[in-house]
Amino acid sequence: MKKIVIFFTISFTLVLFCMSSQASERGPVTNLPIPRYVSLKASEGNLRRGPAKAHRIDWVLKHKDQPLKILAEHEHWRRVSDYEGATGWIYYALLSGVRNVLVNDSLISLYRKPSKDSSVKAKVEFGAIGNLRSCNTDWCNVSFPEMSGWIEKNKLWGTTPDEIFPP
């Protein structure tokens, strides 16, 4: 009898834990998933220590369209991280839901199709920002100003390894 009570107590605790962890996967302001990726809409944005203009600016983002990961929400502020791990709070109006990715490896191949056996259209430099068009389990279709093609997902920042985009 004691074993059954312990089993049900542990099971109940695990269920509660899973429910609470699932609840924290949605933003309290937008009810959108957290974390999630967005991009910088403005040509410049300040990352502050806290969610208010009174907080000190720690970083200044200077690349329009750069991808950012939303980590938290508080009223009109979003706590974000960039590809280097810099974090801070930014005003929500400076962000866009447009999905962009950043090339996080040097001189990677942009393929015509999602396969290494496909022809290479171009080489893309580290730090290049492209618009995310779609992703399967291993590849993403990315559009740059002059061309588009397929890049291995693990060479990009702005998508998760298990993400299929669009969902």
N, C-alpha and C. Protein backbone atom coordinates (compact mmCIF):
# COMPACT_ATOMS: atom_id res chain seq x y z
N MET A 1 0.83 -1.20 0.00
CA MET A 1 0.00 0.00 0.00
C MET A 1 0.86 1.25 0.00
N LYS A 2 1.94 1.22 0.81
CA LYS A 2 2.84 2.37 0.89
C LYS A 2 3.47 2.67 -0.46
N LYS A 3 3.84 1.61 -1.20
CA LYS A 3 4.46 1.78 -2.51
C LYS A 3 3.49 2.42 -3.50
N ILE A 4 2.22 2.05 -3.42
CA ILE A 4 1.21 2.61 -4.32
C ILE A 4 1.03 4.10 -4.02
N VAL A 5 0.97 4.48 -2.75
CA VAL A 5 0.82 5.89 -2.37
C VAL A 5 2.03 6.69 -2.85
N ILE A 6 3.22 6.15 -2.67
CA ILE A 6 4.43 6.84 -3.12
C ILE A 6 4.41 6.97 -4.64
N PHE A 7 4.03 5.89 -5.33
CA PHE A 7 3.96 5.93 -6.79
C PHE A 7 3.01 7.02 -7.27
N PHE A 8 1.80 7.07 -6.69
CA PHE A 8 0.83 8.09 -7.10
C PHE A 8 1.27 9.49 -6.72
N THR A 9 1.94 9.65 -5.61
CA THR A 9 2.46 10.95 -5.21
C THR A 9 3.51 11.44 -6.21
N ILE A 10 4.42 10.56 -6.57
CA ILE A 10 5.46 10.91 -7.55
C ILE A 10 4.82 11.20 -8.90
N SER A 11 3.88 10.36 -9.30
CA SER A 11 3.20 10.57 -10.59
C SER A 11 2.47 11.91 -10.62
N PHE A 12 1.75 12.22 -9.55
CA PHE A 12 1.03 13.48 -9.47
C PHE A 12 1.98 14.67 -9.52
N THR A 13 3.10 14.57 -8.82
CA THR A 13 4.11 15.64 -8.82
C THR A 13 4.68 15.84 -10.23
N LEU A 14 4.95 14.74 -10.92
CA LEU A 14 5.47 14.84 -12.28
C LEU A 14 4.46 15.48 -13.22
N VAL A 15 3.20 15.13 -13.08
CA VAL A 15 2.15 15.74 -13.91
C VAL A 15 2.08 17.23 -13.66
N LEU A 16 2.10 17.63 -12.39
CA LEU A 16 2.08 19.07 -12.06
C LEU A 16 3.30 19.77 -12.62
N PHE A 17 4.47 19.15 -12.52
CA PHE A 17 5.69 19.75 -13.05
C PHE A 17 5.59 19.95 -14.56
N CYS A 18 5.11 18.91 -15.25
CA CYS A 18 4.97 19.02 -16.70
C CYS A 18 3.97 20.10 -17.09
N MET A 19 2.87 20.19 -16.35
CA MET A 19 1.88 21.23 -16.64
C MET A 19 2.46 22.61 -16.41
N SER A 20 3.23 22.79 -15.35
CA SER A 20 3.79 24.11 -15.06
C SER A 20 4.88 24.46 -16.06
N SER A 21 5.66 23.47 -16.52
CA SER A 21 6.70 23.78 -17.49
C SER A 21 6.09 24.09 -18.86
N GLN A 22 4.95 23.44 -19.20
CA GLN A 22 4.28 23.76 -20.45
C GLN A 22 3.68 25.16 -20.39
N ALA A 23 3.17 25.55 -19.24
CA ALA A 23 2.58 26.87 -19.10
C ALA A 23 3.62 27.95 -19.28
N SER A 24 4.86 27.69 -18.89
CA SER A 24 5.90 28.71 -19.02
C SER A 24 6.46 28.78 -20.44
N GLU A 25 5.99 27.92 -21.34
CA GLU A 25 6.45 27.95 -22.72
C GLU A 25 5.68 28.97 -23.56
N ARG A 26 4.78 29.70 -22.96
CA ARG A 26 4.02 30.74 -23.65
C ARG A 26 4.28 32.07 -22.96
N GLY A 27 4.42 33.13 -23.76
CA GLY A 27 4.64 34.45 -23.19
C GLY A 27 3.40 34.96 -22.48
N PRO A 28 3.57 35.59 -21.31
CA PRO A 28 2.43 36.07 -20.56
C PRO A 28 1.72 37.26 -21.21
N VAL A 29 2.40 37.95 -22.12
CA VAL A 29 1.80 39.11 -22.78
C VAL A 29 1.17 38.71 -24.12
N THR A 30 1.90 37.99 -24.94
CA THR A 30 1.45 37.66 -26.29
C THR A 30 0.83 36.28 -26.42
N ASN A 31 1.08 35.42 -25.47
CA ASN A 31 0.69 34.01 -25.52
C ASN A 31 1.37 33.27 -26.68
N LEU A 32 2.48 33.82 -27.17
CA LEU A 32 3.27 33.17 -28.21
C LEU A 32 4.35 32.32 -27.55
N PRO A 33 4.90 31.35 -28.27
CA PRO A 33 5.92 30.48 -27.68
C PRO A 33 7.16 31.25 -27.21
N ILE A 34 7.73 30.78 -26.12
CA ILE A 34 9.00 31.31 -25.62
C ILE A 34 9.88 30.11 -25.33
N PRO A 35 11.11 30.05 -25.87
CA PRO A 35 11.69 31.08 -26.73
C PRO A 35 11.13 31.01 -28.15
N ARG A 36 11.32 32.12 -28.89
CA ARG A 36 10.96 32.18 -30.30
C ARG A 36 11.90 33.17 -30.98
N TYR A 37 11.98 33.09 -32.28
CA TYR A 37 12.86 33.97 -33.04
C TYR A 37 12.08 35.08 -33.72
N VAL A 38 12.66 36.27 -33.72
CA VAL A 38 12.13 37.45 -34.38
C VAL A 38 13.31 38.14 -35.04
N SER A 39 13.09 39.33 -35.58
CA SER A 39 14.21 40.09 -36.15
C SER A 39 14.09 41.56 -35.75
N LEU A 40 15.20 42.25 -35.85
CA LEU A 40 15.25 43.67 -35.53
C LEU A 40 14.64 44.45 -36.69
N LYS A 41 13.55 45.16 -36.42
CA LYS A 41 12.85 45.93 -37.45
C LYS A 41 13.56 47.25 -37.74
N ALA A 42 14.12 47.83 -36.72
CA ALA A 42 14.78 49.14 -36.84
C ALA A 42 16.24 48.97 -37.24
N SER A 43 16.86 50.05 -37.64
CA SER A 43 18.28 50.00 -37.98
C SER A 43 19.15 50.07 -36.72
N GLU A 44 18.53 50.36 -35.59
CA GLU A 44 19.26 50.40 -34.33
C GLU A 44 18.30 50.10 -33.19
N GLY A 45 18.80 49.39 -32.19
CA GLY A 45 17.97 49.07 -31.03
C GLY A 45 18.83 48.91 -29.79
N ASN A 46 18.35 49.44 -28.68
CA ASN A 46 19.09 49.36 -27.42
C ASN A 46 18.66 48.14 -26.61
N LEU A 47 19.65 47.41 -26.11
CA LEU A 47 19.38 46.32 -25.18
C LEU A 47 19.67 46.86 -23.78
N ARG A 48 18.64 46.88 -22.95
CA ARG A 48 18.74 47.45 -21.61
C ARG A 48 18.80 46.37 -20.55
N ARG A 49 19.24 46.77 -19.36
CA ARG A 49 19.34 45.83 -18.23
C ARG A 49 17.99 45.37 -17.72
N GLY A 50 16.98 46.18 -17.88
CA GLY A 50 15.65 45.84 -17.40
C GLY A 50 14.60 46.35 -18.36
N PRO A 51 13.34 45.99 -18.13
CA PRO A 51 12.25 46.35 -19.05
C PRO A 51 11.68 47.74 -18.81
N ALA A 52 12.50 48.76 -18.99
CA ALA A 52 12.04 50.16 -18.89
C ALA A 52 13.15 51.06 -19.42
N LYS A 53 12.76 52.25 -19.90
CA LYS A 53 13.76 53.20 -20.42
C LYS A 53 14.71 53.69 -19.33
N ALA A 54 14.30 53.58 -18.07
CA ALA A 54 15.15 54.02 -16.96
C ALA A 54 16.37 53.12 -16.77
N HIS A 55 16.33 51.91 -17.32
CA HIS A 55 17.44 50.98 -17.16
C HIS A 55 18.59 51.31 -18.11
N ARG A 56 19.77 51.02 -17.64
CA ARG A 56 21.00 51.31 -18.41
C ARG A 56 21.05 50.49 -19.70
N ILE A 57 21.60 51.08 -20.75
CA ILE A 57 21.81 50.40 -22.02
C ILE A 57 23.12 49.64 -21.94
N ASP A 58 23.07 48.32 -22.17
CA ASP A 58 24.27 47.49 -22.17
C ASP A 58 24.81 47.25 -23.57
N TRP A 59 23.91 47.15 -24.54
CA TRP A 59 24.31 46.85 -25.92
C TRP A 59 23.46 47.69 -26.88
N VAL A 60 24.04 48.02 -28.02
CA VAL A 60 23.30 48.69 -29.09
C VAL A 60 23.38 47.80 -30.32
N LEU A 61 22.23 47.34 -30.77
CA LEU A 61 22.15 46.52 -31.98
C LEU A 61 22.14 47.45 -33.18
N LYS A 62 22.95 47.15 -34.20
CA LYS A 62 23.07 48.05 -35.33
C LYS A 62 22.82 47.39 -36.69
N HIS A 63 22.25 46.20 -36.69
CA HIS A 63 22.02 45.51 -37.95
C HIS A 63 20.54 45.23 -38.15
N LYS A 64 19.91 46.08 -38.98
CA LYS A 64 18.50 45.86 -39.31
C LYS A 64 18.33 44.44 -39.84
N ASP A 65 17.26 43.81 -39.48
CA ASP A 65 16.90 42.46 -39.89
C ASP A 65 17.65 41.35 -39.15
N GLN A 66 18.56 41.69 -38.24
CA GLN A 66 19.29 40.62 -37.55
C GLN A 66 18.34 39.78 -36.71
N PRO A 67 18.54 38.47 -36.72
CA PRO A 67 17.67 37.60 -35.93
C PRO A 67 17.97 37.74 -34.43
N LEU A 68 16.92 37.62 -33.64
CA LEU A 68 17.02 37.67 -32.18
C LEU A 68 16.12 36.59 -31.61
N LYS A 69 16.49 36.10 -30.46
CA LYS A 69 15.68 35.09 -29.77
C LYS A 69 15.00 35.74 -28.58
N ILE A 70 13.66 35.68 -28.54
CA ILE A 70 12.91 36.22 -27.39
C ILE A 70 12.96 35.18 -26.27
N LEU A 71 13.41 35.65 -25.10
CA LEU A 71 13.54 34.79 -23.93
C LEU A 71 12.46 35.05 -22.89
N ALA A 72 11.92 36.28 -22.87
CA ALA A 72 10.91 36.65 -21.87
C ALA A 72 10.13 37.85 -22.36
N GLU A 73 8.98 38.08 -21.73
CA GLU A 73 8.13 39.23 -22.05
C GLU A 73 7.74 39.92 -20.75
N HIS A 74 7.67 41.24 -20.83
CA HIS A 74 7.14 42.03 -19.71
C HIS A 74 6.51 43.29 -20.30
N GLU A 75 5.21 43.38 -20.23
CA GLU A 75 4.46 44.49 -20.81
C GLU A 75 4.91 44.74 -22.25
N HIS A 76 5.43 45.93 -22.56
CA HIS A 76 5.85 46.24 -23.94
C HIS A 76 7.33 45.95 -24.19
N TRP A 77 7.94 45.16 -23.34
CA TRP A 77 9.36 44.87 -23.45
C TRP A 77 9.59 43.38 -23.68
N ARG A 78 10.64 43.06 -24.45
CA ARG A 78 11.00 41.68 -24.70
C ARG A 78 12.48 41.49 -24.34
N ARG A 79 12.75 40.44 -23.58
CA ARG A 79 14.14 40.10 -23.27
C ARG A 79 14.63 39.22 -24.41
N VAL A 80 15.71 39.64 -25.06
CA VAL A 80 16.21 38.94 -26.24
C VAL A 80 17.68 38.57 -26.08
N SER A 81 18.10 37.67 -26.95
CA SER A 81 19.49 37.25 -27.04
C SER A 81 19.88 37.31 -28.50
N ASP A 82 21.13 37.70 -28.78
CA ASP A 82 21.61 37.65 -30.15
C ASP A 82 22.48 36.42 -30.34
N TYR A 83 23.05 36.25 -31.53
CA TYR A 83 23.80 35.04 -31.85
C TYR A 83 25.07 34.91 -31.02
N GLU A 84 25.56 36.00 -30.46
CA GLU A 84 26.76 35.94 -29.62
C GLU A 84 26.43 35.71 -28.14
N GLY A 85 25.14 35.70 -27.82
CA GLY A 85 24.73 35.47 -26.45
C GLY A 85 24.49 36.73 -25.64
N ALA A 86 24.63 37.90 -26.26
CA ALA A 86 24.34 39.16 -25.57
C ALA A 86 22.84 39.21 -25.31
N THR A 87 22.45 39.53 -24.09
CA THR A 87 21.04 39.59 -23.75
C THR A 87 20.67 40.95 -23.19
N GLY A 88 19.41 41.28 -23.29
CA GLY A 88 18.90 42.52 -22.74
C GLY A 88 17.44 42.70 -23.11
N TRP A 89 16.87 43.77 -22.60
CA TRP A 89 15.45 44.09 -22.84
C TRP A 89 15.36 45.14 -23.94
N ILE A 90 14.45 44.91 -24.89
CA ILE A 90 14.26 45.82 -26.01
C ILE A 90 12.77 46.12 -26.14
N TYR A 91 12.46 47.33 -26.57
CA TYR A 91 11.06 47.73 -26.73
C TYR A 91 10.46 46.95 -27.90
N TYR A 92 9.25 46.42 -27.70
CA TYR A 92 8.64 45.50 -28.66
C TYR A 92 8.46 46.10 -30.05
N ALA A 93 8.25 47.41 -30.16
CA ALA A 93 8.00 48.04 -31.47
C ALA A 93 9.23 48.01 -32.37
N LEU A 94 10.40 47.71 -31.81
CA LEU A 94 11.62 47.63 -32.60
C LEU A 94 11.81 46.24 -33.21
N LEU A 95 10.89 45.33 -32.92
CA LEU A 95 11.00 43.95 -33.38
C LEU A 95 9.96 43.63 -34.44
N SER A 96 10.31 42.66 -35.28
CA SER A 96 9.41 42.19 -36.33
C SER A 96 9.28 40.68 -36.21
N GLY A 97 8.14 40.16 -36.57
CA GLY A 97 7.93 38.72 -36.58
C GLY A 97 8.55 38.03 -37.79
N VAL A 98 9.13 38.80 -38.69
CA VAL A 98 9.78 38.24 -39.88
C VAL A 98 10.95 37.37 -39.43
N ARG A 99 11.04 36.18 -39.98
CA ARG A 99 12.08 35.24 -39.60
C ARG A 99 13.30 35.40 -40.50
N ASN A 100 14.39 35.76 -39.88
CA ASN A 100 15.68 35.84 -40.56
C ASN A 100 16.66 34.92 -39.85
N VAL A 101 17.71 34.54 -40.54
CA VAL A 101 18.77 33.72 -39.97
C VAL A 101 20.12 34.37 -40.25
N LEU A 102 21.09 34.00 -39.44
CA LEU A 102 22.44 34.51 -39.58
C LEU A 102 23.36 33.33 -39.85
N VAL A 103 24.23 33.47 -40.83
CA VAL A 103 25.20 32.42 -41.14
C VAL A 103 26.25 32.42 -40.04
N ASN A 104 26.39 31.29 -39.34
CA ASN A 104 27.32 31.24 -38.21
C ASN A 104 28.54 30.37 -38.46
N ASP A 105 28.92 30.24 -39.72
CA ASP A 105 30.11 29.51 -40.10
C ASP A 105 30.73 30.26 -41.28
N SER A 106 32.01 30.08 -41.49
CA SER A 106 32.66 30.86 -42.56
C SER A 106 32.57 30.16 -43.91
N LEU A 107 32.25 30.95 -44.92
CA LEU A 107 32.14 30.51 -46.30
C LEU A 107 31.42 29.18 -46.47
N ILE A 108 30.15 29.20 -46.21
CA ILE A 108 29.35 27.99 -46.36
C ILE A 108 28.71 27.96 -47.74
N SER A 109 28.34 26.79 -48.17
CA SER A 109 27.75 26.62 -49.49
C SER A 109 26.25 26.86 -49.47
N LEU A 110 25.80 27.57 -50.49
CA LEU A 110 24.38 27.78 -50.75
C LEU A 110 24.04 26.85 -51.92
N TYR A 111 23.24 25.82 -51.63
CA TYR A 111 22.95 24.79 -52.62
C TYR A 111 21.65 25.07 -53.37
N ARG A 112 21.58 24.54 -54.58
CA ARG A 112 20.37 24.67 -55.41
C ARG A 112 19.21 23.87 -54.81
N LYS A 113 19.51 22.71 -54.23
CA LYS A 113 18.51 21.84 -53.61
C LYS A 113 19.02 21.43 -52.22
N PRO A 114 18.14 20.90 -51.36
CA PRO A 114 18.56 20.52 -50.01
C PRO A 114 19.34 19.20 -49.97
N SER A 115 20.52 19.22 -50.58
CA SER A 115 21.37 18.04 -50.62
C SER A 115 22.80 18.46 -50.94
N LYS A 116 23.76 17.82 -50.31
CA LYS A 116 25.17 18.12 -50.62
C LYS A 116 25.54 17.63 -52.02
N ASP A 117 24.72 16.78 -52.59
CA ASP A 117 24.95 16.31 -53.96
C ASP A 117 24.47 17.32 -54.99
N SER A 118 23.74 18.32 -54.56
CA SER A 118 23.21 19.35 -55.43
C SER A 118 24.32 20.33 -55.81
N SER A 119 24.10 21.09 -56.87
CA SER A 119 25.11 22.07 -57.28
C SER A 119 25.14 23.26 -56.31
N VAL A 120 26.32 23.83 -56.14
CA VAL A 120 26.52 24.98 -55.27
C VAL A 120 26.28 26.24 -56.07
N LYS A 121 25.36 27.08 -55.58
CA LYS A 121 25.04 28.34 -56.26
C LYS A 121 26.01 29.45 -55.89
N ALA A 122 26.46 29.43 -54.62
CA ALA A 122 27.35 30.49 -54.13
C ALA A 122 27.95 30.07 -52.80
N LYS A 123 28.92 30.84 -52.35
CA LYS A 123 29.47 30.70 -51.01
C LYS A 123 29.00 31.91 -50.21
N VAL A 124 28.59 31.67 -48.97
CA VAL A 124 28.04 32.73 -48.14
C VAL A 124 28.97 32.93 -46.94
N GLU A 125 29.27 34.19 -46.65
CA GLU A 125 30.21 34.53 -45.58
C GLU A 125 29.56 34.52 -44.20
N PHE A 126 30.38 34.33 -43.19
CA PHE A 126 29.96 34.42 -41.80
C PHE A 126 29.30 35.78 -41.55
N GLY A 127 28.18 35.76 -40.85
CA GLY A 127 27.50 37.01 -40.49
C GLY A 127 26.46 37.47 -41.49
N ALA A 128 26.39 36.82 -42.65
CA ALA A 128 25.37 37.21 -43.64
C ALA A 128 23.99 36.92 -43.07
N ILE A 129 23.06 37.84 -43.31
CA ILE A 129 21.69 37.69 -42.81
C ILE A 129 20.78 37.44 -44.00
N GLY A 130 19.99 36.38 -43.90
CA GLY A 130 19.06 36.03 -44.96
C GLY A 130 17.67 35.80 -44.40
N ASN A 131 16.68 35.90 -45.26
CA ASN A 131 15.30 35.67 -44.88
C ASN A 131 15.01 34.17 -44.92
N LEU A 132 14.47 33.66 -43.82
CA LEU A 132 14.14 32.24 -43.72
C LEU A 132 12.85 31.98 -44.47
N ARG A 133 12.92 31.15 -45.49
CA ARG A 133 11.74 30.83 -46.29
C ARG A 133 11.09 29.53 -45.84
N SER A 134 11.92 28.52 -45.55
CA SER A 134 11.40 27.25 -45.05
C SER A 134 12.55 26.42 -44.48
N CYS A 135 12.19 25.45 -43.64
CA CYS A 135 13.17 24.51 -43.08
C CYS A 135 12.55 23.13 -42.99
N ASN A 136 13.36 22.12 -43.28
CA ASN A 136 12.96 20.76 -42.98
C ASN A 136 13.84 20.29 -41.82
N THR A 137 14.01 19.03 -41.62
CA THR A 137 14.78 18.58 -40.45
C THR A 137 16.25 18.95 -40.51
N ASP A 138 16.84 19.04 -41.70
CA ASP A 138 18.28 19.27 -41.82
C ASP A 138 18.68 20.49 -42.64
N TRP A 139 17.77 21.03 -43.42
CA TRP A 139 18.10 22.11 -44.36
C TRP A 139 17.11 23.26 -44.24
N CYS A 140 17.60 24.47 -44.57
CA CYS A 140 16.73 25.65 -44.63
C CYS A 140 16.88 26.33 -45.97
N ASN A 141 15.76 26.78 -46.51
CA ASN A 141 15.76 27.57 -47.72
C ASN A 141 15.84 29.03 -47.31
N VAL A 142 16.90 29.70 -47.73
CA VAL A 142 17.18 31.06 -47.29
C VAL A 142 17.31 31.98 -48.50
N SER A 143 16.75 33.17 -48.37
CA SER A 143 16.80 34.16 -49.43
C SER A 143 17.72 35.31 -49.00
N PHE A 144 18.71 35.60 -49.84
CA PHE A 144 19.60 36.74 -49.65
C PHE A 144 19.25 37.78 -50.71
N PRO A 145 19.74 39.01 -50.60
CA PRO A 145 19.36 40.03 -51.59
C PRO A 145 19.60 39.64 -53.04
N GLU A 146 20.65 38.89 -53.33
CA GLU A 146 20.98 38.58 -54.72
C GLU A 146 20.54 37.18 -55.17
N MET A 147 20.28 36.28 -54.20
CA MET A 147 19.92 34.91 -54.58
C MET A 147 19.34 34.16 -53.39
N SER A 148 18.83 32.98 -53.69
CA SER A 148 18.30 32.12 -52.62
C SER A 148 18.74 30.69 -52.89
N GLY A 149 18.67 29.89 -51.84
CA GLY A 149 19.05 28.49 -51.97
C GLY A 149 18.96 27.80 -50.63
N TRP A 150 19.55 26.62 -50.56
CA TRP A 150 19.47 25.77 -49.38
C TRP A 150 20.79 25.75 -48.62
N ILE A 151 20.69 25.85 -47.29
CA ILE A 151 21.85 25.82 -46.40
C ILE A 151 21.57 24.79 -45.32
N GLU A 152 22.62 24.07 -44.93
CA GLU A 152 22.46 23.13 -43.83
C GLU A 152 22.04 23.90 -42.57
N LYS A 153 21.03 23.40 -41.90
CA LYS A 153 20.45 24.08 -40.75
C LYS A 153 21.47 24.34 -39.64
N ASN A 154 22.40 23.42 -39.43
CA ASN A 154 23.38 23.58 -38.35
C ASN A 154 24.40 24.68 -38.62
N LYS A 155 24.35 25.30 -39.77
CA LYS A 155 25.25 26.40 -40.11
C LYS A 155 24.57 27.76 -39.98
N LEU A 156 23.35 27.74 -39.42
CA LEU A 156 22.55 28.96 -39.29
C LEU A 156 22.19 29.22 -37.83
N TRP A 157 22.07 30.50 -37.47
CA TRP A 157 21.54 30.88 -36.16
C TRP A 157 20.22 31.59 -36.42
N GLY A 158 19.18 31.14 -35.72
CA GLY A 158 17.87 31.74 -35.87
C GLY A 158 16.79 30.71 -36.08
N THR A 159 17.14 29.46 -35.90
CA THR A 159 16.19 28.36 -35.98
C THR A 159 16.67 27.27 -35.03
N THR A 160 15.75 26.46 -34.55
CA THR A 160 16.13 25.39 -33.64
C THR A 160 16.38 24.10 -34.41
N PRO A 161 17.20 23.20 -33.89
CA PRO A 161 17.52 21.97 -34.61
C PRO A 161 16.30 21.13 -35.00
N ASP A 162 15.27 21.14 -34.18
CA ASP A 162 14.10 20.31 -34.46
C ASP A 162 12.96 21.07 -35.15
N GLU A 163 13.21 22.31 -35.50
CA GLU A 163 12.14 23.13 -36.07
C GLU A 163 11.87 22.82 -37.54
N ILE A 164 10.60 22.70 -37.84
CA ILE A 164 10.13 22.63 -39.24
C ILE A 164 9.42 23.95 -39.48
N PHE A 165 9.85 24.68 -40.52
CA PHE A 165 9.31 26.01 -40.77
C PHE A 165 8.86 26.10 -42.22
N PRO A 166 7.70 26.64 -42.51
CA PRO A 166 6.67 27.00 -41.53
C PRO A 166 6.09 25.75 -40.92
N PRO A 167 5.48 25.93 -39.72
CA PRO A 167 4.96 24.75 -39.01
C PRO A 167 3.85 24.05 -39.77
